[in-house]
Protein backbone atom coordinates (compact mmCIF):
# COMPACT_ATOMS: atom_id res chain seq x y z
CA MET A 1 -3.11 12.78 -1.96
CA ILE A 2 -6.39 10.88 -1.73
CA ALA A 3 -4.96 8.08 0.41
CA ALA A 4 -2.93 10.51 2.54
CA ILE A 5 -5.79 12.89 3.30
CA GLY A 6 -8.37 10.11 3.58
CA SER A 7 -6.29 8.01 5.98
CA TYR A 8 -5.36 11.07 8.06
CA CYS A 9 -8.96 12.22 8.44
CA ASP A 10 -10.20 8.73 9.25
CA ALA A 11 -7.53 8.28 11.91
CA ARG A 12 -8.13 11.67 13.54
CA ALA A 13 -11.92 11.33 13.39
CA HIS A 14 -11.66 8.06 15.34
CA GLY A 15 -9.16 9.33 17.89
CA GLY A 16 -6.24 7.45 16.36
CA SER A 17 -2.67 8.32 15.49
CA TRP A 18 -1.39 8.76 11.93
CA GLN A 19 2.00 7.27 11.23
CA LEU A 20 4.24 8.05 8.29
CA ARG A 21 6.25 5.32 6.60
CA ILE A 22 8.51 5.80 3.58
CA ASP A 23 8.56 2.86 1.17
CA ASP A 24 12.17 3.11 0.00
CA LEU A 25 13.01 -0.59 0.04
CA ASP A 26 14.84 -0.33 -3.28
CA PRO A 27 17.16 2.69 -2.82
CA PRO A 28 18.51 2.77 -6.42
CA ARG A 29 14.94 3.30 -7.64
CA THR A 30 14.20 6.10 -5.17
CA ALA A 31 14.54 9.41 -6.98
CA ARG A 32 16.88 11.97 -5.45
CA GLY A 33 14.91 14.50 -3.43
CA ALA A 34 11.69 12.46 -3.54
CA VAL A 35 11.44 11.99 0.23
CA ASP A 36 11.95 15.70 0.96
CA ALA A 37 9.28 16.53 -1.65
CA ILE A 38 6.82 14.15 0.01
CA LEU A 39 7.43 15.61 3.47
CA ARG A 40 7.08 19.18 2.20
CA CYS A 41 3.84 18.32 0.41
CA LEU A 42 2.35 16.70 3.53
CA GLU A 43 3.37 19.66 5.68
CA ALA A 44 1.87 22.12 3.18
CA HIS A 45 -1.44 20.29 3.58
CA ALA A 46 -1.19 20.41 7.41
CA LEU A 47 -0.88 16.62 7.56
CA GLN A 48 1.02 16.17 10.82
CA TRP A 49 2.18 12.64 11.54
CA ASP A 50 2.71 11.06 14.96
CA GLY A 51 6.12 9.84 16.03
CA PRO A 52 9.22 9.57 13.85
CA VAL A 53 9.14 8.90 10.13
CA VAL A 54 9.87 5.21 9.46
CA PHE A 55 12.21 4.56 6.55
CA GLN A 56 11.90 0.98 5.36
CA SER A 57 15.41 1.11 3.88
CA ARG A 58 16.71 1.30 7.48
CA ARG A 59 14.69 -1.67 8.75
CA SER A 60 16.63 -4.55 7.20
CA ASP A 61 17.46 -6.19 10.53
CA ALA A 62 13.78 -6.51 11.45
CA TYR A 63 12.89 -7.92 8.03
CA HIS A 64 15.82 -10.33 8.17
CA ALA A 65 14.65 -11.64 11.56
CA ALA A 66 11.13 -12.26 10.24
CA LEU A 67 12.46 -13.96 7.12
CA HIS A 68 14.72 -16.15 9.27
CA ARG A 69 11.71 -17.26 11.33
CA LEU A 70 9.87 -18.26 8.18
CA ARG A 71 12.89 -20.15 6.85
CA GLN A 72 13.33 -21.98 10.14
CA ALA A 73 9.68 -23.03 9.93
CA GLY A 74 10.18 -24.39 6.40
CA ARG A 75 7.89 -21.77 4.87
CA VAL A 76 10.45 -20.28 2.47
CA PHE A 77 12.35 -21.75 -0.47
CA PRO A 78 14.97 -20.43 -2.92
CA CYS A 79 13.92 -19.81 -6.52
CA ALA A 80 16.13 -19.53 -9.62
CA CYS A 81 13.42 -18.41 -12.05
CA SER A 82 13.60 -15.08 -13.87
CA ARG A 83 10.52 -12.98 -14.52
CA LYS A 84 10.80 -13.81 -18.21
CA GLU A 85 10.85 -17.55 -17.53
CA ILE A 86 7.83 -17.32 -15.27
CA ALA A 87 5.91 -15.21 -17.77
CA GLU A 88 6.58 -17.72 -20.54
CA ILE A 89 5.17 -20.73 -18.70
CA ALA A 90 2.71 -19.29 -16.19
CA ARG A 91 -0.91 -18.27 -16.55
CA ALA A 92 -2.10 -14.78 -15.71
CA GLY A 93 -3.26 -14.02 -12.18
CA GLY A 94 -4.33 -11.03 -10.07
CA GLU A 95 -1.22 -8.94 -10.72
CA GLY A 96 0.49 -10.78 -13.55
CA PRO A 97 1.85 -14.29 -14.10
CA VAL A 98 1.14 -16.80 -11.32
CA TYR A 99 4.32 -18.52 -10.16
CA PRO A 100 4.07 -22.16 -11.37
CA GLY A 101 6.05 -23.72 -8.52
CA THR A 102 9.14 -24.57 -10.60
CA CYS A 103 11.63 -24.51 -7.69
CA ARG A 104 9.35 -25.68 -4.89
CA ASP A 105 11.18 -29.02 -4.61
CA GLY A 106 14.68 -27.64 -5.11
CA LEU A 107 16.78 -25.51 -7.43
CA PRO A 108 17.52 -26.84 -10.94
CA PRO A 109 21.11 -28.14 -11.24
CA GLY A 110 23.64 -25.35 -11.73
CA ARG A 111 21.11 -22.56 -11.19
CA PRO A 112 21.73 -20.01 -8.41
CA ALA A 113 18.86 -18.59 -6.38
CA ARG A 114 17.47 -15.28 -7.60
CA ALA A 115 14.89 -14.88 -4.83
CA LEU A 116 13.34 -16.41 -1.73
CA ARG A 117 9.65 -17.22 -2.00
CA VAL A 118 7.07 -18.07 0.63
CA ARG A 119 5.38 -21.43 0.15
CA VAL A 120 1.69 -20.69 -0.35
CA GLU A 121 -0.85 -23.24 0.81
CA ASP A 122 -3.98 -24.22 -1.09
CA THR A 123 -6.12 -21.82 0.90
CA THR A 124 -8.51 -18.90 0.59
CA ILE A 125 -7.85 -15.72 2.55
CA ALA A 126 -11.03 -13.83 3.39
CA PHE A 127 -11.49 -10.53 5.22
CA ASP A 128 -14.15 -7.87 5.64
CA ASP A 129 -12.96 -4.53 4.30
CA LEU A 130 -14.56 -1.60 6.12
CA LEU A 131 -15.58 -0.06 2.79
CA GLN A 132 -15.27 -2.65 0.03
CA GLY A 133 -17.03 -5.44 1.92
CA ARG A 134 -16.18 -9.13 1.88
CA ILE A 135 -12.98 -9.90 -0.04
CA GLU A 136 -11.81 -13.44 -0.79
CA ARG A 137 -8.61 -14.45 -2.57
CA HIS A 138 -7.33 -17.95 -3.32
CA LEU A 139 -3.61 -17.36 -2.99
CA ALA A 140 -2.27 -20.41 -4.84
CA ARG A 141 -4.59 -19.94 -7.80
CA GLU A 142 -4.41 -16.14 -8.06
CA PHE A 143 -0.83 -15.35 -7.01
CA GLY A 144 1.20 -18.47 -6.31
CA ASP A 145 4.32 -18.53 -4.12
CA PHE A 146 5.33 -14.89 -3.88
CA VAL A 147 8.74 -13.29 -3.40
CA LEU A 148 9.92 -12.15 0.03
CA TYR A 149 13.55 -11.36 -0.76
CA ARG A 150 15.55 -10.75 -3.93
CA ALA A 151 19.12 -11.71 -4.68
CA ASP A 152 20.04 -8.02 -4.92
CA HIS A 153 19.27 -7.74 -1.18
CA VAL A 154 15.85 -6.10 -1.48
CA TYR A 155 13.05 -7.19 0.85
CA ALA A 156 9.54 -7.42 -0.56
CA TYR A 157 6.91 -4.80 0.21
CA HIS A 158 4.53 -7.42 1.65
CA LEU A 159 7.02 -8.67 4.23
CA ALA A 160 8.13 -5.15 5.18
CA CYS A 161 4.56 -3.94 5.70
CA VAL A 162 3.63 -6.90 7.88
CA VAL A 163 6.70 -6.50 10.08
CA ASP A 164 6.30 -2.72 10.39
CA ASP A 165 2.56 -2.86 11.11
CA ALA A 166 3.16 -5.41 13.88
CA GLU A 167 6.02 -3.49 15.50
CA GLU A 168 4.19 -0.15 15.34
CA GLY A 169 0.98 -1.64 16.74
CA VAL A 170 -1.08 -0.62 13.71
CA ASP A 171 -4.68 -1.74 14.17
CA HIS A 172 -6.26 0.02 11.15
CA VAL A 173 -4.82 0.37 7.66
CA VAL A 174 -6.49 2.94 5.38
CA ARG A 175 -5.06 3.04 1.86
CA GLY A 176 -5.96 3.02 -1.81
CA ALA A 177 -7.94 0.21 -3.42
CA ASP A 178 -5.06 -0.37 -5.82
CA LEU A 179 -3.45 -2.23 -2.90
CA LEU A 180 -6.49 -4.41 -2.25
CA ASP A 181 -4.88 -7.48 -3.83
CA SER A 182 -1.84 -7.03 -1.56
CA THR A 183 -3.92 -7.44 1.57
CA SER A 184 -4.60 -11.17 1.26
CA ARG A 185 -0.88 -11.90 0.94
CA GLN A 186 -0.10 -9.70 3.92
CA ILE A 187 -2.74 -11.44 6.01
CA TYR A 188 -1.20 -14.78 5.01
CA LEU A 189 2.20 -13.59 6.26
CA GLN A 190 0.65 -12.23 9.45
CA ARG A 191 -0.74 -15.68 10.19
CA LEU A 192 2.59 -17.38 9.47
CA LEU A 193 4.42 -14.91 11.72
CA ARG A 194 1.66 -15.02 14.34
CA VAL A 195 1.17 -11.27 14.51
CA PRO A 196 -2.17 -9.40 14.70
CA THR A 197 -4.16 -8.59 11.58
CA PRO A 198 -5.33 -4.96 11.40
CA ARG A 199 -8.71 -3.87 10.08
CA TYR A 200 -8.52 -2.63 6.49
CA LEU A 201 -10.30 0.15 4.62
CA HIS A 202 -9.45 0.60 0.95
CA LEU A 203 -10.41 3.98 -0.49
CA PRO A 204 -11.31 4.40 -4.17
CA VAL A 205 -8.50 5.55 -6.44
CA ALA A 206 -8.81 8.30 -9.04
CA LEU A 207 -8.70 7.41 -12.72
CA ASP A 208 -7.60 9.67 -15.55
CA ALA A 209 -9.47 10.11 -18.83
CA SER A 210 -8.01 6.88 -20.22
CA GLY A 211 -9.07 4.85 -17.20
CA ARG A 212 -5.60 4.56 -15.65
CA LYS A 213 -4.88 5.21 -11.99
CA LEU A 214 -3.72 8.79 -11.55
CA SER A 215 -0.02 8.57 -10.74
CA LYS A 216 3.42 9.82 -11.66
CA GLN A 217 3.84 6.74 -13.86
CA ALA A 218 0.80 7.89 -15.83
CA ARG A 219 2.37 11.36 -16.11
CA ALA A 220 -0.10 13.04 -13.78
CA ARG A 221 0.96 16.53 -12.82
CA PRO A 222 2.11 16.92 -9.19
CA VAL A 223 -0.03 18.44 -6.48
CA ASP A 224 0.49 22.20 -6.09
CA PRO A 225 1.13 22.91 -2.36
CA ALA A 226 0.00 26.49 -2.93
CA GLN A 227 -3.51 25.17 -3.56
CA ALA A 228 -3.60 23.00 -0.42
CA PRO A 229 -7.03 24.11 0.90
CA ALA A 230 -8.58 23.55 -2.55
CA VAL A 231 -6.90 20.16 -2.79
CA ILE A 232 -8.21 19.15 0.64
CA GLY A 233 -11.71 20.21 -0.38
CA ALA A 234 -11.47 18.37 -3.70
CA VAL A 235 -10.32 15.17 -1.98
CA ALA A 236 -13.09 15.49 0.60
CA ALA A 237 -15.67 15.84 -2.18
CA PHE A 238 -14.14 12.89 -4.07
CA LEU A 239 -14.58 10.84 -0.89
CA GLY A 240 -18.21 11.86 -0.43
CA GLN A 241 -17.71 14.20 2.53
CA ARG A 242 -19.68 17.21 1.10
CA PRO A 243 -17.34 20.13 1.88
CA PRO A 244 -18.71 23.70 1.71
CA ALA A 245 -17.89 25.72 -1.40
CA ASP A 246 -15.84 28.25 0.57
CA LEU A 247 -13.55 25.65 2.17
CA GLU A 248 -10.77 26.55 -0.24
CA ARG A 249 -10.65 30.04 1.29
CA SER A 250 -9.58 28.52 4.62
CA THR A 251 -6.04 27.77 5.70
CA PRO A 252 -4.88 24.17 5.14
CA ALA A 253 -5.19 23.43 8.87
CA GLU A 254 -8.71 24.88 9.01
CA ALA A 255 -9.80 22.95 5.95
CA LEU A 256 -8.42 19.74 7.38
CA ARG A 257 -10.10 20.32 10.74
CA TRP A 258 -13.44 20.76 9.00
CA VAL A 259 -13.06 17.46 7.11
CA VAL A 260 -12.05 15.62 10.28
CA SER A 261 -14.99 17.07 12.23
CA GLN A 262 -17.48 16.00 9.54
CA TRP A 263 -15.82 12.73 8.51
CA SER A 264 -18.20 9.84 7.93
CA ARG A 265 -17.29 6.37 6.68
CA GLU A 266 -20.93 5.93 5.71
CA ARG A 267 -20.54 8.61 3.04
CA LEU A 268 -17.43 7.06 1.47
CA PRO A 269 -18.14 5.72 -2.04
CA ALA A 270 -17.99 1.93 -1.84
CA THR A 271 -16.19 1.48 -5.13
CA ARG A 272 -12.60 0.77 -6.06
CA ALA A 273 -12.08 3.55 -8.60
CA ILE A 274 -13.70 6.81 -9.73
CA ALA A 275 -13.01 8.86 -12.85
CA LEU A 276 -11.46 12.15 -11.80
CA GLN A 277 -13.46 15.29 -12.39
CA ASP A 278 -11.45 17.86 -10.40
CA ARG A 279 -7.97 18.49 -11.79
CA ARG A 280 -6.71 20.32 -8.72
CA PHE A 281 -5.37 17.19 -7.11
CA ALA A 282 -3.35 14.72 -9.07
CA GLU A 283 -0.55 12.95 -7.29
CA ALA A 284 1.72 13.69 -4.38
CA PRO A 285 5.38 14.15 -5.34
């Protein structure tokens, strides 16, 4: 809920719209009922989005067109490597093994393609995050050629986000700092596709007692919609916004209006992660 409430309040405080996008690019891995649970949780917290909900699973034609443009420009190549093969020969990078370029010059004889990768240049991507400051990533050294499309017909998150942001006219992206390493790759794709680059603001993520990001994967308990005003107040406090002690006695809409009216980027903690103290908010469904 931190990213949801934080991005909503930042958008509303600056007169912007707040758009809802469902990352369901890999339908077999999307739990039954998960989308309805997300929508109900957002509504319980008075988080009203603008325009229709965008389901990435229904956007294949747009992603295909972007991928075709990159292929026509010679920016994409087929790769036969499995994750296990890459892990065995590659060194560790920002989010795991760095692709060693095995198939850059063609597929090994008799090996079918398992993915399409974008050819990464020997370049550094730099941007100024509105909270985290100057960020620089050397793509080839830290990530290597990254996947845009898998053989099981799944488009990569990075490509989908770039295409959707461009088509929706997104000019500011506010999200969790756990996605900070994704931004450099998305900016690289934006440049290849010649679409605008939004401004980015990466909010700190909450850590549990063992130092892991609070999430369903870490078995965090779900947010209780019945405690929505308290959750909004707890998130506001986590993000440095100094809510009054009686905010939890408001309605969700009233609590949210207070946070929006008092929202200040200057008070946001300029760090990537904070150990969680308040157990009232954990993870959206």
